[in-house]
Amino acid sequence: MGKKTIRVLIMILAFSIAGYAIVQYGVLKASDAGLVAFKLQKPDFELTPWVYVLYIHIATAMLALIIGPFQIFMKPTNARKRRHRLLGYVYVISITASGIVSVYLSLFATGGWVAGLGFMLLDILWVGTTLTGMRKAMVKDIQAHQAWMLRSYSLTFAAVTLRIWLAPMALLFGDFEAGYRVVAWICWIPNLLVIEAVIRRKGLR
């Protein structure tokens, strides 16, 4: 599979998941979403204020998911530098906000503490790699900036890989909650391993 094909595939998947989230949570009822409907089956689950925090997470995470490919795949030429910098700030702010509220969501994760721990580590690494990437840009270390932002977007892309893994894991374990415990980890660890291999191959510091 060529580089161009991979880029197109990443953009299609990113925009598809973002579109799904906008329709499901912005147009339709959040309570009709599969994950939310499953949580509502629990007698001790309270929809509010959890659902409002979820809305913040989805809105900011989807914004970062859409911005990412434009930042990574389009070279910041002189004509594009200002736009690249502006979108970069929006990307960083979106991830920081989403990562902070996601810590709250991880405390109520489907699958208990195993899934919650997986998502919490994802949140910490997500915000950490993003802020490190921004700091490298501020000190003009462009290679390091590129490497850290690749790591950042690989974790942002967990929004996509989570949904890819969800059905197969639920079928494999024969139980949605058991499968979700595994998905909470495999939605981001393989992404990070793959992008580390890419970074090493590109020779980025």
N, C-alpha and C. Protein backbone atom coordinates (compact mmCIF):
# COMPACT_ATOMS: atom_id res chain seq x y z
N MET A 1 0.85 -1.20 0.00
CA MET A 1 0.00 0.00 0.00
C MET A 1 0.89 1.26 0.00
N GLY A 2 0.68 2.13 -0.99
CA GLY A 2 1.50 3.32 -1.12
C GLY A 2 1.18 4.38 -0.09
N LYS A 3 2.10 5.36 0.02
CA LYS A 3 1.91 6.43 1.01
C LYS A 3 0.64 7.23 0.74
N LYS A 4 0.39 7.51 -0.55
CA LYS A 4 -0.79 8.29 -0.91
C LYS A 4 -2.07 7.56 -0.53
N THR A 5 -2.09 6.25 -0.76
CA THR A 5 -3.26 5.43 -0.42
C THR A 5 -3.50 5.44 1.09
N ILE A 6 -2.41 5.33 1.85
CA ILE A 6 -2.51 5.35 3.32
C ILE A 6 -3.07 6.69 3.79
N ARG A 7 -2.57 7.77 3.22
CA ARG A 7 -3.05 9.10 3.60
C ARG A 7 -4.53 9.27 3.31
N VAL A 8 -4.94 8.82 2.12
CA VAL A 8 -6.36 8.92 1.75
C VAL A 8 -7.22 8.08 2.68
N LEU A 9 -6.74 6.88 3.01
CA LEU A 9 -7.48 5.99 3.91
C LEU A 9 -7.64 6.61 5.29
N ILE A 10 -6.55 7.20 5.81
CA ILE A 10 -6.60 7.85 7.12
C ILE A 10 -7.61 8.99 7.12
N MET A 11 -7.61 9.78 6.05
CA MET A 11 -8.53 10.91 5.98
C MET A 11 -9.97 10.44 5.87
N ILE A 12 -10.21 9.39 5.08
CA ILE A 12 -11.57 8.86 4.94
C ILE A 12 -12.08 8.34 6.27
N LEU A 13 -11.24 7.57 6.97
CA LEU A 13 -11.64 7.02 8.27
C LEU A 13 -11.88 8.13 9.29
N ALA A 14 -10.98 9.11 9.33
CA ALA A 14 -11.11 10.22 10.28
C ALA A 14 -12.39 11.00 10.05
N PHE A 15 -12.66 11.35 8.80
CA PHE A 15 -13.85 12.13 8.49
C PHE A 15 -15.12 11.30 8.66
N SER A 16 -15.04 10.00 8.41
CA SER A 16 -16.21 9.13 8.59
C SER A 16 -16.61 9.05 10.06
N ILE A 17 -15.63 8.86 10.94
CA ILE A 17 -15.92 8.77 12.37
C ILE A 17 -16.40 10.12 12.90
N ALA A 18 -15.78 11.20 12.43
CA ALA A 18 -16.21 12.53 12.85
C ALA A 18 -17.64 12.79 12.40
N GLY A 19 -17.97 12.39 11.17
CA GLY A 19 -19.33 12.55 10.66
C GLY A 19 -20.33 11.75 11.45
N TYR A 20 -19.94 10.51 11.77
CA TYR A 20 -20.82 9.66 12.58
C TYR A 20 -21.10 10.30 13.94
N ALA A 21 -20.05 10.81 14.59
CA ALA A 21 -20.20 11.42 15.91
C ALA A 21 -21.10 12.66 15.85
N ILE A 22 -20.93 13.45 14.80
CA ILE A 22 -21.76 14.65 14.65
C ILE A 22 -23.23 14.29 14.50
N VAL A 23 -23.50 13.28 13.68
CA VAL A 23 -24.89 12.85 13.46
C VAL A 23 -25.47 12.20 14.72
N GLN A 24 -24.69 11.26 15.29
CA GLN A 24 -25.20 10.51 16.44
C GLN A 24 -25.42 11.38 17.67
N TYR A 25 -24.48 12.27 17.95
CA TYR A 25 -24.56 13.05 19.18
C TYR A 25 -25.04 14.49 18.95
N GLY A 26 -25.00 14.96 17.71
CA GLY A 26 -25.43 16.32 17.44
C GLY A 26 -26.82 16.42 16.85
N VAL A 27 -27.21 15.38 16.08
CA VAL A 27 -28.51 15.38 15.43
C VAL A 27 -29.48 14.43 16.13
N LEU A 28 -29.01 13.20 16.35
CA LEU A 28 -29.84 12.21 17.03
C LEU A 28 -29.65 12.29 18.54
N LYS A 29 -30.30 11.41 19.26
CA LYS A 29 -30.19 11.40 20.72
C LYS A 29 -28.94 10.63 21.15
N ALA A 30 -28.22 11.17 22.10
CA ALA A 30 -27.05 10.48 22.62
C ALA A 30 -27.43 9.15 23.26
N SER A 31 -28.63 9.10 23.84
CA SER A 31 -29.08 7.88 24.51
C SER A 31 -29.30 6.72 23.55
N ASP A 32 -29.39 7.03 22.22
CA ASP A 32 -29.58 5.98 21.23
C ASP A 32 -28.26 5.39 20.75
N ALA A 33 -27.14 6.02 21.10
CA ALA A 33 -25.82 5.49 20.72
C ALA A 33 -25.59 4.18 21.45
N GLY A 34 -24.91 3.25 20.79
CA GLY A 34 -24.73 1.92 21.35
C GLY A 34 -24.10 1.90 22.73
N LEU A 35 -23.00 2.63 22.90
CA LEU A 35 -22.30 2.63 24.18
C LEU A 35 -23.15 3.25 25.28
N VAL A 36 -23.81 4.37 24.96
CA VAL A 36 -24.65 5.05 25.96
C VAL A 36 -25.84 4.18 26.32
N ALA A 37 -26.46 3.55 25.31
CA ALA A 37 -27.60 2.66 25.56
C ALA A 37 -27.20 1.51 26.47
N PHE A 38 -25.97 1.00 26.28
CA PHE A 38 -25.48 -0.09 27.13
C PHE A 38 -25.32 0.38 28.56
N LYS A 39 -24.77 1.59 28.73
CA LYS A 39 -24.56 2.13 30.08
C LYS A 39 -25.90 2.38 30.78
N LEU A 40 -26.91 2.77 30.00
CA LEU A 40 -28.22 3.07 30.59
C LEU A 40 -28.90 1.81 31.13
N GLN A 41 -28.42 0.64 30.74
CA GLN A 41 -28.96 -0.61 31.26
C GLN A 41 -28.55 -0.85 32.71
N LYS A 42 -27.48 -0.15 33.12
CA LYS A 42 -27.02 -0.27 34.50
C LYS A 42 -27.92 0.55 35.42
N PRO A 43 -28.53 -0.06 36.43
CA PRO A 43 -29.47 0.67 37.28
C PRO A 43 -28.86 1.82 38.08
N ASP A 44 -27.54 1.76 38.34
CA ASP A 44 -26.90 2.80 39.14
C ASP A 44 -26.24 3.90 38.29
N PHE A 45 -26.43 3.84 36.96
CA PHE A 45 -25.80 4.83 36.08
C PHE A 45 -26.67 6.06 35.96
N GLU A 46 -26.04 7.23 36.15
CA GLU A 46 -26.74 8.51 36.01
C GLU A 46 -26.28 9.18 34.72
N LEU A 47 -27.23 9.48 33.83
CA LEU A 47 -26.89 10.05 32.53
C LEU A 47 -26.29 11.45 32.64
N THR A 48 -26.80 12.23 33.57
CA THR A 48 -26.26 13.58 33.80
C THR A 48 -25.51 13.60 35.13
N PRO A 49 -24.38 14.29 35.23
CA PRO A 49 -23.79 15.19 34.22
C PRO A 49 -22.86 14.51 33.23
N TRP A 50 -22.77 13.17 33.32
CA TRP A 50 -21.83 12.41 32.48
C TRP A 50 -21.99 12.75 31.01
N VAL A 51 -23.22 12.82 30.51
CA VAL A 51 -23.45 13.01 29.09
C VAL A 51 -22.97 14.38 28.61
N TYR A 52 -23.04 15.40 29.48
CA TYR A 52 -22.57 16.73 29.08
C TYR A 52 -21.05 16.77 28.97
N VAL A 53 -20.39 16.04 29.85
CA VAL A 53 -18.93 15.92 29.76
C VAL A 53 -18.57 15.15 28.48
N LEU A 54 -19.38 14.14 28.16
CA LEU A 54 -19.17 13.36 26.94
C LEU A 54 -19.26 14.26 25.70
N TYR A 55 -20.24 15.16 25.69
CA TYR A 55 -20.40 16.08 24.56
C TYR A 55 -19.14 16.93 24.37
N ILE A 56 -18.57 17.43 25.48
CA ILE A 56 -17.34 18.23 25.39
C ILE A 56 -16.21 17.40 24.81
N HIS A 57 -16.08 16.17 25.30
CA HIS A 57 -15.03 15.27 24.83
C HIS A 57 -15.18 15.00 23.33
N ILE A 58 -16.39 14.69 22.90
CA ILE A 58 -16.62 14.35 21.49
C ILE A 58 -16.35 15.54 20.59
N ALA A 59 -16.87 16.71 20.97
CA ALA A 59 -16.70 17.91 20.13
C ALA A 59 -15.23 18.27 19.96
N THR A 60 -14.47 18.25 21.04
CA THR A 60 -13.05 18.63 20.97
C THR A 60 -12.21 17.55 20.31
N ALA A 61 -12.50 16.29 20.61
CA ALA A 61 -11.73 15.18 20.03
C ALA A 61 -11.95 15.09 18.52
N MET A 62 -13.21 15.27 18.07
CA MET A 62 -13.50 15.22 16.64
C MET A 62 -12.85 16.38 15.89
N LEU A 63 -12.76 17.53 16.54
CA LEU A 63 -12.09 18.68 15.93
C LEU A 63 -10.62 18.36 15.71
N ALA A 64 -9.99 17.77 16.71
CA ALA A 64 -8.57 17.39 16.59
C ALA A 64 -8.40 16.30 15.52
N LEU A 65 -9.34 15.37 15.46
CA LEU A 65 -9.27 14.27 14.49
C LEU A 65 -9.32 14.80 13.06
N ILE A 66 -10.13 15.83 12.83
CA ILE A 66 -10.27 16.41 11.49
C ILE A 66 -9.07 17.29 11.13
N ILE A 67 -8.57 18.04 12.10
CA ILE A 67 -7.45 18.96 11.84
C ILE A 67 -6.16 18.19 11.57
N GLY A 68 -5.96 17.09 12.28
CA GLY A 68 -4.70 16.35 12.22
C GLY A 68 -4.15 16.06 10.84
N PRO A 69 -4.94 15.47 9.93
CA PRO A 69 -4.39 15.15 8.61
C PRO A 69 -3.90 16.36 7.84
N PHE A 70 -4.58 17.49 7.97
CA PHE A 70 -4.15 18.69 7.27
C PHE A 70 -2.80 19.19 7.79
N GLN A 71 -2.58 18.99 9.09
CA GLN A 71 -1.31 19.41 9.69
C GLN A 71 -0.17 18.47 9.33
N ILE A 72 -0.47 17.20 9.26
CA ILE A 72 0.57 16.20 9.04
C ILE A 72 0.92 16.03 7.57
N PHE A 73 -0.10 15.99 6.71
CA PHE A 73 0.12 15.64 5.31
C PHE A 73 0.37 16.84 4.39
N MET A 74 0.07 18.05 4.86
CA MET A 74 0.32 19.23 4.03
C MET A 74 1.56 19.97 4.54
N LYS A 75 2.56 20.08 3.70
CA LYS A 75 3.80 20.75 4.12
C LYS A 75 3.54 22.24 4.37
N PRO A 76 4.00 22.74 5.52
CA PRO A 76 3.76 24.16 5.84
C PRO A 76 4.68 25.09 5.05
N THR A 77 4.33 25.36 3.80
CA THR A 77 5.10 26.30 2.98
C THR A 77 4.92 27.71 3.54
N ASN A 78 5.67 28.66 3.00
CA ASN A 78 5.58 30.04 3.48
C ASN A 78 4.14 30.57 3.43
N ALA A 79 3.42 30.19 2.38
CA ALA A 79 2.03 30.65 2.24
C ALA A 79 1.10 30.00 3.25
N ARG A 80 1.50 28.82 3.74
CA ARG A 80 0.62 28.06 4.64
C ARG A 80 1.05 28.14 6.10
N LYS A 81 2.18 28.76 6.38
CA LYS A 81 2.72 28.73 7.74
C LYS A 81 1.76 29.32 8.77
N ARG A 82 1.13 30.44 8.42
CA ARG A 82 0.22 31.09 9.36
C ARG A 82 -0.98 30.18 9.66
N ARG A 83 -1.51 29.56 8.60
CA ARG A 83 -2.65 28.64 8.79
C ARG A 83 -2.22 27.41 9.58
N HIS A 84 -1.02 26.91 9.29
CA HIS A 84 -0.51 25.75 10.01
C HIS A 84 -0.38 26.06 11.51
N ARG A 85 0.12 27.24 11.82
CA ARG A 85 0.29 27.64 13.22
C ARG A 85 -1.07 27.81 13.90
N LEU A 86 -2.02 28.44 13.20
CA LEU A 86 -3.34 28.66 13.77
C LEU A 86 -4.07 27.35 14.02
N LEU A 87 -4.05 26.46 13.04
CA LEU A 87 -4.68 25.15 13.21
C LEU A 87 -3.97 24.35 14.29
N GLY A 88 -2.66 24.54 14.40
CA GLY A 88 -1.90 23.86 15.45
C GLY A 88 -2.36 24.25 16.84
N TYR A 89 -2.60 25.55 17.04
CA TYR A 89 -3.09 26.01 18.34
C TYR A 89 -4.47 25.44 18.64
N VAL A 90 -5.33 25.40 17.62
CA VAL A 90 -6.68 24.84 17.82
C VAL A 90 -6.58 23.35 18.16
N TYR A 91 -5.68 22.66 17.47
CA TYR A 91 -5.45 21.23 17.72
C TYR A 91 -5.00 20.99 19.15
N VAL A 92 -4.03 21.77 19.60
CA VAL A 92 -3.49 21.61 20.96
C VAL A 92 -4.56 21.92 22.01
N ILE A 93 -5.28 23.01 21.83
CA ILE A 93 -6.32 23.39 22.79
C ILE A 93 -7.43 22.33 22.83
N SER A 94 -7.81 21.82 21.66
CA SER A 94 -8.86 20.79 21.59
C SER A 94 -8.45 19.53 22.35
N ILE A 95 -7.21 19.10 22.13
CA ILE A 95 -6.75 17.88 22.80
C ILE A 95 -6.59 18.09 24.30
N THR A 96 -6.08 19.24 24.69
CA THR A 96 -5.93 19.52 26.13
C THR A 96 -7.28 19.50 26.83
N ALA A 97 -8.27 20.16 26.23
CA ALA A 97 -9.62 20.17 26.82
C ALA A 97 -10.22 18.78 26.83
N SER A 98 -10.09 18.07 25.71
CA SER A 98 -10.67 16.73 25.61
C SER A 98 -9.99 15.76 26.57
N GLY A 99 -8.67 15.87 26.68
CA GLY A 99 -7.94 14.98 27.57
C GLY A 99 -8.30 15.18 29.03
N ILE A 100 -8.52 16.45 29.41
CA ILE A 100 -8.87 16.74 30.81
C ILE A 100 -10.24 16.17 31.16
N VAL A 101 -11.24 16.41 30.30
CA VAL A 101 -12.58 15.90 30.61
C VAL A 101 -12.64 14.38 30.48
N SER A 102 -11.74 13.81 29.65
CA SER A 102 -11.73 12.36 29.48
C SER A 102 -11.27 11.64 30.74
N VAL A 103 -10.49 12.31 31.57
CA VAL A 103 -10.09 11.72 32.85
C VAL A 103 -11.34 11.44 33.69
N TYR A 104 -12.27 12.39 33.68
CA TYR A 104 -13.55 12.19 34.39
C TYR A 104 -14.31 11.03 33.78
N LEU A 105 -14.37 10.97 32.46
CA LEU A 105 -15.12 9.90 31.79
C LEU A 105 -14.51 8.52 32.07
N SER A 106 -13.19 8.48 32.19
CA SER A 106 -12.52 7.20 32.44
C SER A 106 -12.90 6.61 33.79
N LEU A 107 -13.31 7.46 34.73
CA LEU A 107 -13.73 6.98 36.04
C LEU A 107 -15.04 6.21 35.96
N PHE A 108 -15.80 6.42 34.88
CA PHE A 108 -17.09 5.76 34.69
C PHE A 108 -17.07 4.86 33.45
N ALA A 109 -15.87 4.43 33.07
CA ALA A 109 -15.73 3.66 31.83
C ALA A 109 -16.46 2.33 31.90
N THR A 110 -17.10 1.97 30.79
CA THR A 110 -17.67 0.63 30.67
C THR A 110 -16.52 -0.37 30.73
N GLY A 111 -16.68 -1.39 31.53
CA GLY A 111 -15.59 -2.36 31.71
C GLY A 111 -14.82 -2.16 33.00
N GLY A 112 -15.28 -1.19 33.81
CA GLY A 112 -14.67 -1.02 35.13
C GLY A 112 -13.28 -0.43 35.10
N TRP A 113 -12.50 -0.74 36.16
CA TRP A 113 -11.20 -0.09 36.33
C TRP A 113 -10.18 -0.50 35.27
N VAL A 114 -10.33 -1.70 34.70
CA VAL A 114 -9.38 -2.14 33.66
C VAL A 114 -9.49 -1.24 32.43
N ALA A 115 -10.72 -1.02 31.98
CA ALA A 115 -10.94 -0.12 30.84
C ALA A 115 -10.61 1.32 31.24
N GLY A 116 -11.02 1.71 32.44
CA GLY A 116 -10.77 3.06 32.91
C GLY A 116 -9.30 3.40 32.95
N LEU A 117 -8.47 2.45 33.40
CA LEU A 117 -7.03 2.66 33.45
C LEU A 117 -6.45 2.81 32.04
N GLY A 118 -6.94 1.99 31.12
CA GLY A 118 -6.48 2.08 29.74
C GLY A 118 -6.76 3.44 29.14
N PHE A 119 -7.98 3.93 29.36
CA PHE A 119 -8.35 5.24 28.83
C PHE A 119 -7.62 6.38 29.54
N MET A 120 -7.39 6.23 30.83
CA MET A 120 -6.70 7.29 31.57
C MET A 120 -5.25 7.43 31.10
N LEU A 121 -4.58 6.30 30.87
CA LEU A 121 -3.21 6.34 30.35
C LEU A 121 -3.20 6.95 28.95
N LEU A 122 -4.20 6.61 28.15
CA LEU A 122 -4.33 7.21 26.82
C LEU A 122 -4.45 8.72 26.93
N ASP A 123 -5.29 9.19 27.84
CA ASP A 123 -5.48 10.63 28.02
C ASP A 123 -4.20 11.34 28.41
N ILE A 124 -3.46 10.74 29.36
CA ILE A 124 -2.21 11.35 29.83
C ILE A 124 -1.19 11.43 28.71
N LEU A 125 -1.03 10.34 27.97
CA LEU A 125 -0.07 10.32 26.87
C LEU A 125 -0.52 11.23 25.73
N TRP A 126 -1.81 11.29 25.50
CA TRP A 126 -2.37 12.13 24.44
C TRP A 126 -2.04 13.60 24.67
N VAL A 127 -2.34 14.06 25.87
CA VAL A 127 -2.05 15.46 26.20
C VAL A 127 -0.54 15.68 26.28
N GLY A 128 0.18 14.73 26.86
CA GLY A 128 1.63 14.87 27.03
C GLY A 128 2.37 14.97 25.71
N THR A 129 2.06 14.07 24.76
CA THR A 129 2.73 14.12 23.46
C THR A 129 2.40 15.40 22.71
N THR A 130 1.16 15.85 22.83
CA THR A 130 0.73 17.06 22.13
C THR A 130 1.44 18.30 22.66
N LEU A 131 1.49 18.44 23.98
CA LEU A 131 2.15 19.61 24.57
C LEU A 131 3.66 19.58 24.32
N THR A 132 4.23 18.38 24.32
CA THR A 132 5.66 18.25 24.01
C THR A 132 5.92 18.69 22.57
N GLY A 133 5.04 18.26 21.65
CA GLY A 133 5.17 18.66 20.26
C GLY A 133 5.08 20.16 20.08
N MET A 134 4.18 20.80 20.82
CA MET A 134 4.04 22.25 20.75
C MET A 134 5.30 22.93 21.29
N ARG A 135 5.83 22.42 22.39
CA ARG A 135 7.03 23.01 22.99
C ARG A 135 8.22 22.90 22.03
N LYS A 136 8.34 21.78 21.33
CA LYS A 136 9.43 21.61 20.36
C LYS A 136 9.31 22.60 19.21
N ALA A 137 8.06 22.90 18.82
CA ALA A 137 7.86 23.89 17.76
C ALA A 137 8.27 25.27 18.23
N MET A 138 7.99 25.56 19.49
CA MET A 138 8.30 26.89 20.03
C MET A 138 9.80 27.14 20.11
N VAL A 139 10.59 26.07 20.27
CA VAL A 139 12.06 26.23 20.32
C VAL A 139 12.70 25.92 18.96
N LYS A 140 11.84 25.82 17.92
CA LYS A 140 12.29 25.65 16.52
C LYS A 140 12.99 24.31 16.27
N ASP A 141 12.68 23.30 17.09
CA ASP A 141 13.21 21.96 16.85
C ASP A 141 12.18 21.23 15.98
N ILE A 142 12.23 21.46 14.68
CA ILE A 142 11.18 21.02 13.77
C ILE A 142 11.09 19.50 13.67
N GLN A 143 12.25 18.82 13.61
CA GLN A 143 12.21 17.36 13.52
C GLN A 143 11.54 16.75 14.74
N ALA A 144 11.91 17.22 15.92
CA ALA A 144 11.30 16.70 17.14
C ALA A 144 9.82 17.06 17.18
N HIS A 145 9.49 18.25 16.73
CA HIS A 145 8.08 18.68 16.66
C HIS A 145 7.28 17.73 15.79
N GLN A 146 7.80 17.38 14.63
CA GLN A 146 7.11 16.46 13.73
C GLN A 146 6.93 15.09 14.37
N ALA A 147 7.99 14.60 15.02
CA ALA A 147 7.91 13.28 15.65
C ALA A 147 6.86 13.24 16.75
N TRP A 148 6.85 14.25 17.61
CA TRP A 148 5.90 14.26 18.72
C TRP A 148 4.46 14.47 18.24
N MET A 149 4.28 15.24 17.17
CA MET A 149 2.93 15.43 16.65
C MET A 149 2.42 14.18 15.93
N LEU A 150 3.33 13.40 15.36
CA LEU A 150 2.93 12.11 14.80
C LEU A 150 2.45 11.19 15.91
N ARG A 151 3.16 11.18 17.03
CA ARG A 151 2.71 10.40 18.19
C ARG A 151 1.35 10.89 18.67
N SER A 152 1.23 12.20 18.74
CA SER A 152 -0.03 12.80 19.19
C SER A 152 -1.20 12.35 18.33
N TYR A 153 -1.02 12.43 17.00
CA TYR A 153 -2.15 12.09 16.13
C TYR A 153 -2.43 10.59 16.12
N SER A 154 -1.40 9.78 16.36
CA SER A 154 -1.65 8.33 16.46
C SER A 154 -2.58 8.03 17.63
N LEU A 155 -2.47 8.84 18.69
CA LEU A 155 -3.35 8.68 19.85
C LEU A 155 -4.72 9.31 19.59
N THR A 156 -4.74 10.42 18.85
CA THR A 156 -6.02 11.00 18.44
C THR A 156 -6.79 9.99 17.60
N PHE A 157 -6.07 9.24 16.78
CA PHE A 157 -6.69 8.26 15.87
C PHE A 157 -7.29 7.07 16.62
N ALA A 158 -7.06 7.01 17.93
CA ALA A 158 -7.71 5.97 18.74
C ALA A 158 -9.22 6.08 18.64
N ALA A 159 -9.74 7.27 18.34
CA ALA A 159 -11.18 7.44 18.14
C ALA A 159 -11.68 6.57 16.99
N VAL A 160 -10.81 6.36 16.01
CA VAL A 160 -11.14 5.52 14.85
C VAL A 160 -10.91 4.05 15.16
N THR A 161 -9.71 3.73 15.67
CA THR A 161 -9.38 2.33 15.90
C THR A 161 -10.23 1.70 16.99
N LEU A 162 -10.72 2.49 17.93
CA LEU A 162 -11.63 1.97 18.96
C LEU A 162 -12.86 1.37 18.29
N ARG A 163 -13.41 2.10 17.32
CA ARG A 163 -14.63 1.63 16.65
C ARG A 163 -14.36 0.48 15.69
N ILE A 164 -13.13 0.41 15.17
CA ILE A 164 -12.77 -0.72 14.31
C ILE A 164 -12.67 -2.01 15.12
N TRP A 165 -12.10 -1.90 16.33
CA TRP A 165 -11.88 -3.07 17.17
C TRP A 165 -13.12 -3.51 17.94
N LEU A 166 -14.08 -2.61 18.14
CA LEU A 166 -15.17 -2.86 19.08
C LEU A 166 -15.99 -4.10 18.75
N ALA A 167 -16.50 -4.19 17.54
CA ALA A 167 -17.35 -5.33 17.16
C ALA A 167 -16.57 -6.66 17.18
N PRO A 168 -15.36 -6.72 16.58
CA PRO A 168 -14.60 -7.98 16.62
C PRO A 168 -14.30 -8.47 18.04
N MET A 169 -13.94 -7.57 18.94
CA MET A 169 -13.63 -7.97 20.31
C MET A 169 -14.88 -8.41 21.06
N ALA A 170 -16.01 -7.74 20.82
CA ALA A 170 -17.26 -8.14 21.47
C ALA A 170 -17.67 -9.53 21.00
N LEU A 171 -17.47 -9.81 19.72
CA LEU A 171 -17.80 -11.14 19.18
C LEU A 171 -16.82 -12.19 19.69
N LEU A 172 -15.54 -11.83 19.75
CA LEU A 172 -14.51 -12.77 20.21
C LEU A 172 -14.75 -13.21 21.64
N PHE A 173 -15.08 -12.25 22.52
CA PHE A 173 -15.28 -12.55 23.93
C PHE A 173 -16.73 -12.94 24.25
N GLY A 174 -17.62 -12.73 23.29
CA GLY A 174 -19.01 -13.07 23.51
C GLY A 174 -19.71 -12.18 24.51
N ASP A 175 -19.08 -11.05 24.81
CA ASP A 175 -19.65 -10.13 25.80
C ASP A 175 -19.11 -8.73 25.50
N PHE A 176 -20.01 -7.76 25.38
CA PHE A 176 -19.61 -6.40 25.03
C PHE A 176 -18.65 -5.81 26.06
N GLU A 177 -18.96 -5.97 27.33
CA GLU A 177 -18.16 -5.35 28.38
C GLU A 177 -16.76 -5.96 28.46
N ALA A 178 -16.67 -7.28 28.31
CA ALA A 178 -15.36 -7.94 28.33
C ALA A 178 -14.53 -7.50 27.14
N GLY A 179 -15.16 -7.39 25.98
CA GLY A 179 -14.45 -6.93 24.80
C GLY A 179 -13.99 -5.49 24.93
N TYR A 180 -14.81 -4.68 25.61
CA TYR A 180 -14.49 -3.26 25.77
C TYR A 180 -13.27 -3.06 26.66
N ARG A 181 -13.06 -3.95 27.61
CA ARG A 181 -11.86 -3.87 28.46
C ARG A 181 -10.60 -3.99 27.61
N VAL A 182 -10.64 -4.88 26.63
CA VAL A 182 -9.49 -5.08 25.74
C VAL A 182 -9.36 -3.91 24.78
N VAL A 183 -10.48 -3.45 24.25
CA VAL A 183 -10.48 -2.34 23.29
C VAL A 183 -9.89 -1.08 23.91
N ALA A 184 -10.11 -0.88 25.21
CA ALA A 184 -9.59 0.30 25.89
C ALA A 184 -8.06 0.38 25.82
N TRP A 185 -7.42 -0.74 25.54
CA TRP A 185 -5.96 -0.76 25.43
C TRP A 185 -5.49 -0.89 23.99
N ILE A 186 -6.15 -1.77 23.21
CA ILE A 186 -5.65 -2.00 21.85
C ILE A 186 -6.09 -0.90 20.88
N CYS A 187 -6.95 0.02 21.32
CA CYS A 187 -7.33 1.12 20.44
C CYS A 187 -6.21 2.15 20.30
N TRP A 188 -5.20 2.09 21.21
CA TRP A 188 -4.13 3.08 21.13
C TRP A 188 -2.71 2.52 21.19
N ILE A 189 -2.49 1.41 21.86
CA ILE A 189 -1.12 0.87 21.95
C ILE A 189 -0.56 0.48 20.59
N PRO A 190 -1.30 -0.28 19.75
CA PRO A 190 -0.76 -0.58 18.41
C PRO A 190 -0.51 0.68 17.58
N ASN A 191 -1.39 1.68 17.71
CA ASN A 191 -1.19 2.95 16.98
C ASN A 191 0.17 3.56 17.33
N LEU A 192 0.47 3.57 18.62
CA LEU A 192 1.71 4.17 19.09
C LEU A 192 2.92 3.37 18.62
N LEU A 193 2.81 2.05 18.63
CA LEU A 193 3.92 1.19 18.18
C LEU A 193 4.18 1.38 16.69
N VAL A 194 3.11 1.46 15.91
CA VAL A 194 3.25 1.65 14.46
C VAL A 194 3.91 2.99 14.16
N ILE A 195 3.46 4.05 14.84
CA ILE A 195 4.00 5.38 14.54
C ILE A 195 5.45 5.49 15.01
N GLU A 196 5.82 4.77 16.06
CA GLU A 196 7.22 4.76 16.49
C GLU A 196 8.10 4.14 15.40
N ALA A 197 7.59 3.08 14.77
CA ALA A 197 8.33 2.45 13.68
C ALA A 197 8.47 3.42 12.50
N VAL A 198 7.41 4.17 12.22
CA VAL A 198 7.43 5.16 11.14
C VAL A 198 8.45 6.26 11.45
N ILE A 199 8.44 6.74 12.69
CA ILE A 199 9.38 7.80 13.10
C ILE A 199 10.82 7.34 12.96
N ARG A 200 11.10 6.12 13.38
CA ARG A 200 12.47 5.60 13.27
C ARG A 200 12.87 5.42 11.81
N ARG A 201 11.91 4.99 11.00
CA ARG A 201 12.21 4.79 9.57
C ARG A 201 12.48 6.13 8.89
N LYS A 202 11.75 7.17 9.31
CA LYS A 202 11.95 8.51 8.73
C LYS A 202 13.20 9.19 9.28
N GLY A 203 13.75 8.62 10.35
CA GLY A 203 14.96 9.19 10.93
C GLY A 203 14.73 10.45 11.72
N LEU A 204 13.49 10.63 12.23
CA LEU A 204 13.18 11.80 13.04
C LEU A 204 13.69 11.59 14.47
N ARG A 205 14.20 12.66 15.07
CA ARG A 205 14.70 12.54 16.43
C ARG A 205 13.54 12.50 17.40
